[in-house]
Amino acid sequence: MSVEPSLDPMAMMRSALDQWEKLANEYGAQFLQRPETTKAMQTMTAGYLQMQKALQDAMGKALAVANLPSRTDIEALSARLGAIEASLARIEAGKPSEPTVAALPRPPRTRQPPAKS
């Protein structure tokens, strides 16, 4: 029995794509195993991180000059606000609902008006 080749264009396309992926994966694996490649990638990553740090510092200085908050300022403010909200929630959880005016104890009325002369 011989298997007849399929004339389905999508099957041929899938087969070609599978072969291309296998070849690309093999070449990529060989390429990444070279020491020059890893060294170049490390150098590029280090350069990118330095550029990102310099840009962040420059942006922070520009925002400070414009009297605007930086990302770290906003994050610190957000953290403080979260802590305040958590404290407020704890305080509210510890107290019953707001007492009504009728439920509050009234002070004794012991003061007398001054005598008329």
Protein backbone atom coordinates (compact mmCIF):
# COMPACT_ATOMS: atom_id res chain seq x y z
CA MET A 1 0.00 0.00 0.00
CA SER A 2 1.31 3.38 -0.90
CA VAL A 3 0.10 6.55 0.64
CA GLU A 4 -1.02 9.06 -1.93
CA PRO A 5 0.17 12.61 -1.35
CA SER A 6 -2.60 14.93 -0.30
CA LEU A 7 -3.56 17.67 -2.68
CA ASP A 8 -4.99 19.75 0.12
CA PRO A 9 -3.26 23.17 -0.04
CA MET A 10 -3.70 23.77 3.69
CA ALA A 11 -2.06 20.42 4.51
CA MET A 12 0.89 21.33 2.28
CA MET A 13 1.11 24.72 4.00
CA ARG A 14 1.06 23.11 7.47
CA SER A 15 3.77 20.68 6.41
CA ALA A 16 5.95 23.47 5.02
CA LEU A 17 5.41 25.52 8.19
CA ASP A 18 6.33 22.55 10.41
CA GLN A 19 9.56 22.02 8.44
CA TRP A 20 10.39 25.71 8.59
CA GLU A 21 9.81 25.77 12.37
CA LYS A 22 12.08 22.74 12.88
CA LEU A 23 14.87 24.33 10.85
CA ALA A 24 14.48 27.69 12.59
CA ASN A 25 14.57 26.01 16.03
CA GLU A 26 17.70 24.04 15.13
CA TYR A 27 19.46 27.13 13.80
CA GLY A 28 18.36 29.21 16.81
CA ALA A 29 19.65 26.57 19.23
CA GLN A 30 23.01 26.45 17.44
CA PHE A 31 23.18 30.25 17.32
CA LEU A 32 22.46 30.65 21.04
CA GLN A 33 25.09 28.07 22.00
CA ARG A 34 27.88 30.26 20.62
CA PRO A 35 29.77 32.17 23.33
CA GLU A 36 29.88 35.31 21.18
CA THR A 37 26.09 35.37 21.04
CA THR A 38 25.63 35.11 24.78
CA LYS A 39 28.27 37.77 25.40
CA ALA A 40 26.63 40.12 22.88
CA MET A 41 23.21 39.54 24.46
CA GLN A 42 24.59 40.25 27.94
CA THR A 43 26.26 43.43 26.69
CA MET A 44 23.05 44.60 25.03
CA THR A 45 21.02 43.85 28.15
CA ALA A 46 23.47 45.73 30.38
CA GLY A 47 23.42 48.70 27.99
CA TYR A 48 19.64 48.70 27.90
CA LEU A 49 19.44 48.67 31.71
CA GLN A 50 21.93 51.55 31.95
CA MET A 51 19.95 53.54 29.38
CA GLN A 52 16.72 52.85 31.24
CA LYS A 53 18.27 54.00 34.54
CA ALA A 54 19.65 57.18 32.94
CA LEU A 55 16.26 57.93 31.38
CA GLN A 56 14.51 57.36 34.71
CA ASP A 57 16.93 59.71 36.48
CA ALA A 58 16.54 62.37 33.79
CA MET A 59 12.76 62.10 33.92
CA GLY A 60 12.81 62.39 37.72
CA LYS A 61 14.92 65.55 37.49
CA ALA A 62 12.65 67.02 34.82
CA LEU A 63 9.57 66.31 36.94
CA ALA A 64 11.25 67.83 39.99
CA VAL A 65 12.04 70.99 38.04
CA ALA A 66 8.42 71.16 36.84
CA ASN A 67 7.27 70.62 40.45
CA LEU A 68 5.43 67.43 39.48
CA PRO A 69 5.47 64.14 41.38
CA SER A 70 7.54 61.27 40.03
CA ARG A 71 6.44 57.65 39.83
CA THR A 72 8.13 56.84 43.14
CA ASP A 73 6.36 59.80 44.77
CA ILE A 74 2.99 58.55 43.50
CA GLU A 75 3.77 55.01 44.68
CA ALA A 76 4.77 56.27 48.15
CA LEU A 77 1.61 58.37 48.34
CA SER A 78 -0.46 55.38 47.27
CA ALA A 79 1.14 53.22 49.97
CA ARG A 80 0.44 55.87 52.63
CA LEU A 81 -3.15 56.23 51.46
CA GLY A 82 -3.58 52.45 51.60
CA ALA A 83 -2.29 52.40 55.17
CA ILE A 84 -4.67 55.22 56.13
CA GLU A 85 -7.60 53.40 54.55
CA ALA A 86 -6.68 50.19 56.36
CA SER A 87 -6.51 52.06 59.69
CA LEU A 88 -9.84 53.71 59.01
CA ALA A 89 -11.42 50.35 58.16
CA ARG A 90 -10.05 48.90 61.42
CA ILE A 91 -11.47 51.83 63.38
CA GLU A 92 -14.85 51.56 61.67
CA ALA A 93 -14.96 47.80 62.25
CA GLY A 94 -14.36 48.28 65.96
CA LYS A 95 -17.25 50.70 66.46
CA PRO A 96 -20.94 50.02 65.97
CA SER A 97 -22.85 52.18 63.55
CA GLU A 98 -23.01 55.86 64.39
CA PRO A 99 -25.12 56.45 67.52
CA THR A 100 -28.21 58.56 67.16
CA VAL A 101 -28.68 61.77 69.12
CA ALA A 102 -31.35 60.18 71.34
CA ALA A 103 -29.01 57.32 72.29
CA LEU A 104 -26.23 59.63 73.55
CA PRO A 105 -26.21 60.25 77.32
CA ARG A 106 -27.00 63.84 78.23
CA PRO A 107 -24.96 65.71 80.80
CA PRO A 108 -26.74 66.63 84.05
CA ARG A 109 -28.33 70.08 84.14
CA THR A 110 -26.97 71.45 87.42
CA ARG A 111 -26.08 74.98 86.43
CA GLN A 112 -28.49 77.66 87.55
CA PRO A 113 -28.98 81.03 85.88
CA PRO A 114 -27.61 84.03 87.79
CA ALA A 115 -29.96 85.66 90.32
CA LYS A 116 -31.66 88.86 89.20
CA SER A 117 -31.01 91.84 91.41
